[in-house]
Amino acid sequence: MPLRNSLHRRSHKERSQLAHRSKLGLLEKHKDYVLRARDYRSKRDRLRILKVKAETKNKDEFYFGMNGRKTEKGVEYRSRGGEGALPEDMVKVLKTQDEGYLRTVRKKGLKRIDATKTRLTAMVDLVPTAEDIDDLDDDVVDILRSAGVLSPEKSSSRKGKGKAVQATPRHIVFVDNDDQAKVYTGSSSSQPVSAAQDVWASEDEDDSEGWSDHDMDEGEGEEDQYAPQRAQKQEAKRQAAAKARLCVLLYKTIIDYLAET
């Protein structure tokens, strides 16, 4: 093929209808003429073929397919092969088949829903605490609870939006001995926390009277015993971040599931 035929050419611009001839309508372009000419020629050829068939038709020609057909004023009618409405037995059979098909489709959908619930439940098990559930959006939590993946919401004493009861405490307090732990647990229900802190301060003052500088140095060295606890706290933060990412993945899975259903 020549190169000039493959290159892009500027389309030929044709003038539009003149202003003083606008009453005659749009000015026909060449591409409009091509479409009109093709339509005219196709109709002319079809009429010519029909005329030839009509001239060469045999009036005594017969086919067995003509038994189920008839014409009225040149319009052909075909029978469906049955006379009147279907019998009641046949109608019952057809309805039974439709019901069976619907039951099959319903069972298939329920199995698909159960499989999706199982997958979502396995993912939700990675977020067991109420703190992680609170980090999710309310819409996601409602969808999971309506689907039966999460347990229903428990009643809360706080006003406003009810949230699940916290499974684990948010603040961890470390004490030196059992007596201070008992004082703190008792102050949480009956006494304020400041009273418990005052008790601890008085105990510390009494104990510090008999301390020496050597004991203070040893006490500073013993602070490293809380290093494992700090490491555990950092690990808990890292796991919380991982759970947050899993929550985002869970939300995307729910959206995809709803789009498919």
C-alpha atoms as a PDB file:
ATOM      1  CA  MET A   1       0.000   0.000   0.000  1.00  0.00           C
ATOM      2  CA  PRO A   2       1.413   3.429  -0.897  1.00  0.00           C
ATOM      3  CA  LEU A   3       2.597   5.602   1.933  1.00  0.00           C
ATOM      4  CA  ARG A   4       0.356   8.484   0.896  1.00  0.00           C
ATOM      5  CA  ASN A   5      -2.731   6.382   1.568  1.00  0.00           C
ATOM      6  CA  SER A   6      -1.628   5.582   5.134  1.00  0.00           C
ATOM      7  CA  LEU A   7      -0.875   9.173   6.080  1.00  0.00           C
ATOM      8  CA  HIS A   8      -3.514  11.305   7.716  1.00  0.00           C
ATOM      9  CA  ARG A   9      -5.115  13.766   5.352  1.00  0.00           C
ATOM     10  CA  ARG A  10      -6.971  16.894   6.185  1.00  0.00           C
ATOM     11  CA  SER A  11     -10.693  16.410   5.769  1.00  0.00           C
ATOM     12  CA  HIS A  12     -12.290  18.356   2.948  1.00  0.00           C
ATOM     13  CA  LYS A  13     -14.380  21.215   4.261  1.00  0.00           C
ATOM     14  CA  GLU A  14     -17.663  21.932   2.545  1.00  0.00           C
ATOM     15  CA  ARG A  15     -19.565  25.132   2.888  1.00  0.00           C
ATOM     16  CA  SER A  16     -22.814  25.282   4.818  1.00  0.00           C
ATOM     17  CA  GLN A  17     -26.148  26.582   3.615  1.00  0.00           C
ATOM     18  CA  LEU A  18     -26.200  30.240   2.729  1.00  0.00           C
ATOM     19  CA  ALA A  19     -28.066  32.634   4.979  1.00  0.00           C
ATOM     20  CA  HIS A  20     -30.595  33.724   2.332  1.00  0.00           C
ATOM     21  CA  ARG A  21     -31.307  30.030   1.497  1.00  0.00           C
ATOM     22  CA  SER A  22     -31.787  28.862   5.104  1.00  0.00           C
ATOM     23  CA  LYS A  23     -35.514  28.367   4.407  1.00  0.00           C
ATOM     24  CA  LEU A  24     -34.568  25.454   2.112  1.00  0.00           C
ATOM     25  CA  GLY A  25     -32.994  23.518   4.999  1.00  0.00           C
ATOM     26  CA  LEU A  26     -29.505  22.174   5.519  1.00  0.00           C
ATOM     27  CA  LEU A  27     -27.186  21.927   2.566  1.00  0.00           C
ATOM     28  CA  GLU A  28     -26.503  18.273   1.758  1.00  0.00           C
ATOM     29  CA  LYS A  29     -22.893  17.205   2.020  1.00  0.00           C
ATOM     30  CA  HIS A  30     -21.204  14.484   0.011  1.00  0.00           C
ATOM     31  CA  LYS A  31     -21.274  11.965   2.870  1.00  0.00           C
ATOM     32  CA  ASP A  32     -25.003  12.586   3.235  1.00  0.00           C
ATOM     33  CA  TYR A  33     -25.477  11.871  -0.453  1.00  0.00           C
ATOM     34  CA  VAL A  34     -23.506   8.614  -0.148  1.00  0.00           C
ATOM     35  CA  LEU A  35     -25.792   7.340   2.626  1.00  0.00           C
ATOM     36  CA  ARG A  36     -28.925   8.343   0.737  1.00  0.00           C
ATOM     37  CA  ALA A  37     -27.690   6.718  -2.467  1.00  0.00           C
ATOM     38  CA  ARG A  38     -26.858   3.419  -0.718  1.00  0.00           C
ATOM     39  CA  ASP A  39     -30.278   3.279   0.879  1.00  0.00           C
ATOM     40  CA  TYR A  40     -31.978   4.008  -2.440  1.00  0.00           C
ATOM     41  CA  ARG A  41     -30.012   1.356  -4.313  1.00  0.00           C
ATOM     42  CA  SER A  42     -30.637  -1.328  -1.665  1.00  0.00           C
ATOM     43  CA  LYS A  43     -34.396  -0.712  -1.793  1.00  0.00           C
ATOM     44  CA  ARG A  44     -34.350  -0.715  -5.587  1.00  0.00           C
ATOM     45  CA  ASP A  45     -32.511  -4.050  -5.713  1.00  0.00           C
ATOM     46  CA  ARG A  46     -34.894  -5.658  -3.196  1.00  0.00           C
ATOM     47  CA  LEU A  47     -37.935  -4.547  -5.157  1.00  0.00           C
ATOM     48  CA  ARG A  48     -36.393  -5.893  -8.344  1.00  0.00           C
ATOM     49  CA  ILE A  49     -35.806  -9.315  -6.728  1.00  0.00           C
ATOM     50  CA  LEU A  50     -39.370  -9.431  -5.388  1.00  0.00           C
ATOM     51  CA  LYS A  51     -40.770  -8.595  -8.825  1.00  0.00           C
ATOM     52  CA  VAL A  52     -38.761 -11.421 -10.394  1.00  0.00           C
ATOM     53  CA  LYS A  53     -40.030 -13.876  -7.745  1.00  0.00           C
ATOM     54  CA  ALA A  54     -43.621 -12.795  -8.313  1.00  0.00           C
ATOM     55  CA  GLU A  55     -43.292 -13.228 -12.084  1.00  0.00           C
ATOM     56  CA  THR A  56     -41.748 -16.714 -11.820  1.00  0.00           C
ATOM     57  CA  LYS A  57     -44.015 -18.019  -9.047  1.00  0.00           C
ATOM     58  CA  ASN A  58     -45.809 -21.342  -9.626  1.00  0.00           C
ATOM     59  CA  LYS A  59     -49.429 -21.106  -8.447  1.00  0.00           C
ATOM     60  CA  ASP A  60     -49.637 -24.886  -7.988  1.00  0.00           C
ATOM     61  CA  GLU A  61     -46.537 -25.013  -5.802  1.00  0.00           C
ATOM     62  CA  PHE A  62     -47.112 -26.764  -2.438  1.00  0.00           C
ATOM     63  CA  TYR A  63     -45.038 -27.436   0.679  1.00  0.00           C
ATOM     64  CA  PHE A  64     -46.101 -29.321   3.794  1.00  0.00           C
ATOM     65  CA  GLY A  65     -45.016 -26.312   5.832  1.00  0.00           C
ATOM     66  CA  MET A  66     -47.987 -24.468   4.389  1.00  0.00           C
ATOM     67  CA  ASN A  67     -50.386 -26.547   6.514  1.00  0.00           C
ATOM     68  CA  GLY A  68     -49.602 -24.596   9.677  1.00  0.00           C
ATOM     69  CA  ARG A  69     -49.628 -21.202   7.992  1.00  0.00           C
ATOM     70  CA  LYS A  70     -52.218 -18.913   6.550  1.00  0.00           C
ATOM     71  CA  THR A  71     -52.351 -15.453   5.070  1.00  0.00           C
ATOM     72  CA  GLU A  72     -54.953 -12.772   5.488  1.00  0.00           C
ATOM     73  CA  LYS A  73     -54.700  -9.793   3.168  1.00  0.00           C
ATOM     74  CA  GLY A  74     -51.081 -10.575   2.454  1.00  0.00           C
ATOM     75  CA  VAL A  75     -50.107 -10.961   6.122  1.00  0.00           C
ATOM     76  CA  GLU A  76     -48.771 -14.372   7.140  1.00  0.00           C
ATOM     77  CA  TYR A  77     -49.950 -16.036  10.371  1.00  0.00           C
ATOM     78  CA  ARG A  78     -48.433 -19.117  11.984  1.00  0.00           C
ATOM     79  CA  SER A  79     -50.004 -21.366  14.596  1.00  0.00           C
ATOM     80  CA  ARG A  80     -48.112 -22.190  17.813  1.00  0.00           C
ATOM     81  CA  GLY A  81     -48.839 -25.888  17.506  1.00  0.00           C
ATOM     82  CA  GLY A  82     -51.299 -26.049  20.419  1.00  0.00           C
ATOM     83  CA  GLU A  83     -55.002 -25.433  20.605  1.00  0.00           C
ATOM     84  CA  GLY A  84     -56.192 -23.127  23.370  1.00  0.00           C
ATOM     85  CA  ALA A  85     -54.685 -22.791  26.846  1.00  0.00           C
ATOM     86  CA  LEU A  86     -52.431 -25.371  28.479  1.00  0.00           C
ATOM     87  CA  PRO A  87     -54.077 -28.064  30.633  1.00  0.00           C
ATOM     88  CA  GLU A  88     -54.026 -27.664  34.405  1.00  0.00           C
ATOM     89  CA  ASP A  89     -51.706 -30.647  34.910  1.00  0.00           C
ATOM     90  CA  MET A  90     -49.123 -29.130  32.594  1.00  0.00           C
ATOM     91  CA  VAL A  91     -49.414 -25.763  34.325  1.00  0.00           C
ATOM     92  CA  LYS A  92     -48.846 -27.401  37.739  1.00  0.00           C
ATOM     93  CA  VAL A  93     -45.758 -29.212  36.448  1.00  0.00           C
ATOM     94  CA  LEU A  94     -44.321 -25.998  35.035  1.00  0.00           C
ATOM     95  CA  LYS A  95     -44.961 -24.118  38.282  1.00  0.00           C
ATOM     96  CA  THR A  96     -43.338 -26.926  40.280  1.00  0.00           C
ATOM     97  CA  GLN A  97     -40.260 -26.711  38.077  1.00  0.00           C
ATOM     98  CA  ASP A  98     -40.087 -22.959  38.635  1.00  0.00           C
ATOM     99  CA  GLU A  99     -40.323 -23.424  42.418  1.00  0.00           C
ATOM    100  CA  GLY A 100     -37.599 -26.058  42.340  1.00  0.00           C
ATOM    101  CA  TYR A 101     -35.330 -23.747  40.381  1.00  0.00           C
ATOM    102  CA  LEU A 102     -35.925 -20.929  42.845  1.00  0.00           C
ATOM    103  CA  ARG A 103     -35.170 -23.224  45.786  1.00  0.00           C
ATOM    104  CA  THR A 104     -31.944 -24.330  44.129  1.00  0.00           C
ATOM    105  CA  VAL A 105     -30.849 -20.749  43.517  1.00  0.00           C
ATOM    106  CA  ARG A 106     -31.753 -19.828  47.113  1.00  0.00           C
ATOM    107  CA  LYS A 107     -29.704 -22.703  48.558  1.00  0.00           C
ATOM    108  CA  LYS A 108     -26.768 -21.724  46.376  1.00  0.00           C
ATOM    109  CA  GLY A 109     -26.991 -18.139  47.605  1.00  0.00           C
ATOM    110  CA  LEU A 110     -27.230 -19.233  51.257  1.00  0.00           C
ATOM    111  CA  LYS A 111     -24.120 -21.396  50.896  1.00  0.00           C
ATOM    112  CA  ARG A 112     -22.280 -18.470  49.401  1.00  0.00           C
ATOM    113  CA  ILE A 113     -23.400 -16.225  52.267  1.00  0.00           C
ATOM    114  CA  ASP A 114     -22.313 -18.801  54.870  1.00  0.00           C
ATOM    115  CA  ALA A 115     -18.891 -19.130  53.262  1.00  0.00           C
ATOM    116  CA  THR A 116     -18.463 -15.360  53.269  1.00  0.00           C
ATOM    117  CA  LYS A 117     -19.592 -15.165  56.905  1.00  0.00           C
ATOM    118  CA  THR A 118     -17.043 -17.813  57.857  1.00  0.00           C
ATOM    119  CA  ARG A 119     -14.259 -15.877  56.164  1.00  0.00           C
ATOM    120  CA  LEU A 120     -15.326 -12.631  57.793  1.00  0.00           C
ATOM    121  CA  THR A 121     -15.655 -14.278  61.208  1.00  0.00           C
ATOM    122  CA  ALA A 122     -12.104 -15.586  60.947  1.00  0.00           C
ATOM    123  CA  MET A 123     -10.942 -12.054  60.214  1.00  0.00           C
ATOM    124  CA  VAL A 124     -13.007 -10.552  63.032  1.00  0.00           C
ATOM    125  CA  ASP A 125     -11.442 -12.985  65.494  1.00  0.00           C
ATOM    126  CA  LEU A 126      -8.203 -11.085  64.955  1.00  0.00           C
ATOM    127  CA  VAL A 127      -9.901  -8.041  66.562  1.00  0.00           C
ATOM    128  CA  PRO A 128     -11.225  -9.538  69.820  1.00  0.00           C
ATOM    129  CA  THR A 129     -11.174  -6.545  72.149  1.00  0.00           C
ATOM    130  CA  ALA A 130     -13.847  -3.893  72.401  1.00  0.00           C
ATOM    131  CA  GLU A 131     -11.205  -1.175  71.959  1.00  0.00           C
ATOM    132  CA  ASP A 132     -10.381  -2.392  68.458  1.00  0.00           C
ATOM    133  CA  ILE A 133     -14.075  -2.674  67.602  1.00  0.00           C
ATOM    134  CA  ASP A 134     -14.583   0.926  68.718  1.00  0.00           C
ATOM    135  CA  ASP A 135     -11.913   2.000  66.215  1.00  0.00           C
ATOM    136  CA  LEU A 136     -14.090   0.734  63.359  1.00  0.00           C
ATOM    137  CA  ASP A 137     -16.696   2.897  61.673  1.00  0.00           C
ATOM    138  CA  ASP A 138     -20.240   2.643  62.983  1.00  0.00           C
ATOM    139  CA  ASP A 139     -21.505   1.567  59.551  1.00  0.00           C
ATOM    140  CA  VAL A 140     -19.038  -1.332  59.400  1.00  0.00           C
ATOM    141  CA  VAL A 141     -19.935  -2.486  62.919  1.00  0.00           C
ATOM    142  CA  ASP A 142     -23.662  -2.335  62.111  1.00  0.00           C
ATOM    143  CA  ILE A 143     -23.137  -4.396  58.952  1.00  0.00           C
ATOM    144  CA  LEU A 144     -21.132  -7.032  60.830  1.00  0.00           C
ATOM    145  CA  ARG A 145     -23.711  -7.247  63.604  1.00  0.00           C
ATOM    146  CA  SER A 146     -26.640  -7.464  61.180  1.00  0.00           C
ATOM    147  CA  ALA A 147     -24.822 -10.248  59.320  1.00  0.00           C
ATOM    148  CA  GLY A 148     -24.276 -12.139  62.586  1.00  0.00           C
ATOM    149  CA  VAL A 149     -20.485 -11.915  62.400  1.00  0.00           C
ATOM    150  CA  LEU A 150     -20.158  -9.818  65.563  1.00  0.00           C
ATOM    151  CA  SER A 151     -22.117 -10.354  68.769  1.00  0.00           C
ATOM    152  CA  PRO A 152     -24.988  -7.916  69.391  1.00  0.00           C
ATOM    153  CA  GLU A 153     -24.198  -4.644  71.135  1.00  0.00           C
ATOM    154  CA  LYS A 154     -24.357  -4.687  74.931  1.00  0.00           C
ATOM    155  CA  SER A 155     -26.069  -1.975  76.959  1.00  0.00           C
ATOM    156  CA  SER A 156     -23.784   0.761  78.283  1.00  0.00           C
ATOM    157  CA  SER A 157     -24.241   3.227  81.105  1.00  0.00           C
ATOM    158  CA  ARG A 158     -22.939   6.093  78.977  1.00  0.00           C
ATOM    159  CA  LYS A 159     -25.422   8.326  77.220  1.00  0.00           C
ATOM    160  CA  GLY A 160     -25.426   8.940  73.508  1.00  0.00           C
ATOM    161  CA  LYS A 161     -24.176   6.264  71.171  1.00  0.00           C
ATOM    162  CA  GLY A 162     -24.049   2.928  72.961  1.00  0.00           C
ATOM    163  CA  LYS A 163     -20.805   1.048  72.616  1.00  0.00           C
ATOM    164  CA  ALA A 164     -19.669  -2.335  73.790  1.00  0.00           C
ATOM    165  CA  VAL A 165     -18.319  -2.679  77.310  1.00  0.00           C
ATOM    166  CA  GLN A 166     -14.539  -2.492  77.475  1.00  0.00           C
ATOM    167  CA  ALA A 167     -12.973  -5.904  77.813  1.00  0.00           C
ATOM    168  CA  THR A 168      -9.579  -4.672  79.002  1.00  0.00           C
ATOM    169  CA  PRO A 169      -8.593  -1.601  81.098  1.00  0.00           C
ATOM    170  CA  ARG A 170      -7.079   1.335  79.263  1.00  0.00           C
ATOM    171  CA  HIS A 171      -4.706   2.377  82.107  1.00  0.00           C
ATOM    172  CA  ILE A 172      -2.249  -0.024  83.776  1.00  0.00           C
ATOM    173  CA  VAL A 173      -0.891   0.874  87.217  1.00  0.00           C
ATOM    174  CA  PHE A 174       2.243  -0.829  88.590  1.00  0.00           C
ATOM    175  CA  VAL A 175       2.712  -1.165  92.363  1.00  0.00           C
ATOM    176  CA  ASP A 176       5.546  -2.487  94.517  1.00  0.00           C
ATOM    177  CA  ASN A 177       3.663  -4.840  96.817  1.00  0.00           C
ATOM    178  CA  ASP A 178       0.278  -6.382  97.526  1.00  0.00           C
ATOM    179  CA  ASP A 179      -0.648  -3.772 100.152  1.00  0.00           C
ATOM    180  CA  GLN A 180      -0.470  -0.933  97.656  1.00  0.00           C
ATOM    181  CA  ALA A 181      -2.503  -2.984  95.186  1.00  0.00           C
ATOM    182  CA  LYS A 182      -5.222  -3.503  97.802  1.00  0.00           C
ATOM    183  CA  VAL A 183      -5.204   0.208  98.637  1.00  0.00           C
ATOM    184  CA  TYR A 184      -5.575   1.099  94.940  1.00  0.00           C
ATOM    185  CA  THR A 185      -8.372  -1.386  94.299  1.00  0.00           C
ATOM    186  CA  GLY A 186     -10.201  -0.150  97.385  1.00  0.00           C
ATOM    187  CA  SER A 187      -9.791   3.490  96.396  1.00  0.00           C
ATOM    188  CA  SER A 188     -11.214   2.820  92.908  1.00  0.00           C
ATOM    189  CA  SER A 189     -14.585   1.925  94.403  1.00  0.00           C
ATOM    190  CA  SER A 190     -14.833   4.024  97.589  1.00  0.00           C
ATOM    191  CA  GLN A 191     -11.931   6.535  97.748  1.00  0.00           C
ATOM    192  CA  PRO A 192     -10.540   8.823  95.063  1.00  0.00           C
ATOM    193  CA  VAL A 193      -7.248   8.013  93.408  1.00  0.00           C
ATOM    194  CA  SER A 194      -5.582  11.014  95.032  1.00  0.00           C
ATOM    195  CA  ALA A 195      -6.183   9.493  98.497  1.00  0.00           C
ATOM    196  CA  ALA A 196      -4.451   6.300  97.416  1.00  0.00           C
ATOM    197  CA  GLN A 197      -1.547   8.298  96.050  1.00  0.00           C
ATOM    198  CA  ASP A 198      -1.242  10.140  99.386  1.00  0.00           C
ATOM    199  CA  VAL A 199      -1.054   6.806 101.208  1.00  0.00           C
ATOM    200  CA  TRP A 200       1.678   5.614  98.860  1.00  0.00           C
ATOM    201  CA  ALA A 201       3.590   8.877  99.320  1.00  0.00           C
ATOM    202  CA  SER A 202       3.482   8.556 103.118  1.00  0.00           C
ATOM    203  CA  GLU A 203       4.724   4.985 102.895  1.00  0.00           C
ATOM    204  CA  ASP A 204       7.520   6.046 100.592  1.00  0.00           C
ATOM    205  CA  GLU A 205       8.574   8.800 103.020  1.00  0.00           C
ATOM    206  CA  ASP A 206       8.657   6.346 105.911  1.00  0.00           C
ATOM    207  CA  ASP A 207      10.714   3.906 103.934  1.00  0.00           C
ATOM    208  CA  SER A 208      13.085   6.543 102.598  1.00  0.00           C
ATOM    209  CA  GLU A 209      14.114   7.645 106.087  1.00  0.00           C
ATOM    210  CA  GLY A 210      16.232   4.535 106.545  1.00  0.00           C
ATOM    211  CA  TRP A 211      17.733   4.605 103.045  1.00  0.00           C
ATOM    212  CA  SER A 212      21.323   5.489 102.336  1.00  0.00           C
ATOM    213  CA  ASP A 213      23.004   6.806  99.207  1.00  0.00           C
ATOM    214  CA  HIS A 214      24.121   3.293  98.357  1.00  0.00           C
ATOM    215  CA  ASP A 215      20.518   2.093  98.506  1.00  0.00           C
ATOM    216  CA  MET A 216      19.438   4.940  96.215  1.00  0.00           C
ATOM    217  CA  ASP A 217      22.037   3.910  93.665  1.00  0.00           C
ATOM    218  CA  GLU A 218      20.803   0.348  93.820  1.00  0.00           C
ATOM    219  CA  GLY A 219      17.223   1.581  93.361  1.00  0.00           C
ATOM    220  CA  GLU A 220      18.202   3.425  90.207  1.00  0.00           C
ATOM    221  CA  GLY A 221      19.743   0.246  88.871  1.00  0.00           C
ATOM    222  CA  GLU A 222      16.598  -1.703  89.580  1.00  0.00           C
ATOM    223  CA  GLU A 223      14.518   0.533  87.277  1.00  0.00           C
ATOM    224  CA  ASP A 224      15.538  -1.687  84.400  1.00  0.00           C
ATOM    225  CA  GLN A 225      13.183  -4.337  85.713  1.00  0.00           C
ATOM    226  CA  TYR A 226      10.348  -2.440  83.977  1.00  0.00           C
ATOM    227  CA  ALA A 227      12.058  -2.704  80.587  1.00  0.00           C
ATOM    228  CA  PRO A 228      10.190  -5.929  79.678  1.00  0.00           C
ATOM    229  CA  GLN A 229       6.919  -4.235  80.555  1.00  0.00           C
ATOM    230  CA  ARG A 230       7.743  -1.289  78.302  1.00  0.00           C
ATOM    231  CA  ALA A 231       8.670  -3.680  75.516  1.00  0.00           C
ATOM    232  CA  GLN A 232       5.387  -5.494  76.031  1.00  0.00           C
ATOM    233  CA  LYS A 233       3.540  -2.194  75.793  1.00  0.00           C
ATOM    234  CA  GLN A 234       5.300  -1.328  72.524  1.00  0.00           C
ATOM    235  CA  GLU A 235       4.450  -4.760  71.175  1.00  0.00           C
ATOM    236  CA  ALA A 236       0.809  -4.162  72.096  1.00  0.00           C
ATOM    237  CA  LYS A 237       0.872  -0.881  70.163  1.00  0.00           C
ATOM    238  CA  ARG A 238       2.357  -2.628  67.143  1.00  0.00           C
ATOM    239  CA  GLN A 239      -0.329  -5.306  67.280  1.00  0.00           C
ATOM    240  CA  ALA A 240      -2.997  -2.612  67.556  1.00  0.00           C
ATOM    241  CA  ALA A 241      -1.654  -0.966  64.392  1.00  0.00           C
ATOM    242  CA  ALA A 242      -1.685  -4.329  62.612  1.00  0.00           C
ATOM    243  CA  LYS A 243      -5.257  -4.896  63.756  1.00  0.00           C
ATOM    244  CA  ALA A 244      -6.220  -1.488  62.411  1.00  0.00           C
ATOM    245  CA  ARG A 245      -4.861  -2.474  59.009  1.00  0.00           C
ATOM    246  CA  LEU A 246      -6.842  -5.707  59.216  1.00  0.00           C
ATOM    247  CA  CYS A 247      -9.944  -3.679  60.009  1.00  0.00           C
ATOM    248  CA  VAL A 248      -9.434  -1.693  56.823  1.00  0.00           C
ATOM    249  CA  LEU A 249      -9.046  -4.929  54.861  1.00  0.00           C
ATOM    250  CA  LEU A 250     -12.187  -6.262  56.520  1.00  0.00           C
ATOM    251  CA  TYR A 251     -14.114  -3.154  55.525  1.00  0.00           C
ATOM    252  CA  LYS A 252     -13.021  -3.529  51.893  1.00  0.00           C
ATOM    253  CA  THR A 253     -14.066  -7.193  51.927  1.00  0.00           C
ATOM    254  CA  ILE A 254     -17.526  -6.231  53.201  1.00  0.00           C
ATOM    255  CA  ILE A 255     -17.941  -3.604  50.482  1.00  0.00           C
ATOM    256  CA  ASP A 256     -16.931  -6.107  47.768  1.00  0.00           C
ATOM    257  CA  TYR A 257     -19.342  -8.689  49.196  1.00  0.00           C
ATOM    258  CA  LEU A 258     -22.232  -6.218  49.198  1.00  0.00           C
ATOM    259  CA  ALA A 259     -21.424  -5.199  45.629  1.00  0.00           C
ATOM    260  CA  GLU A 260     -21.511  -8.830  44.472  1.00  0.00           C
ATOM    261  CA  THR A 261     -24.831  -9.557  46.201  1.00  0.00           C
END
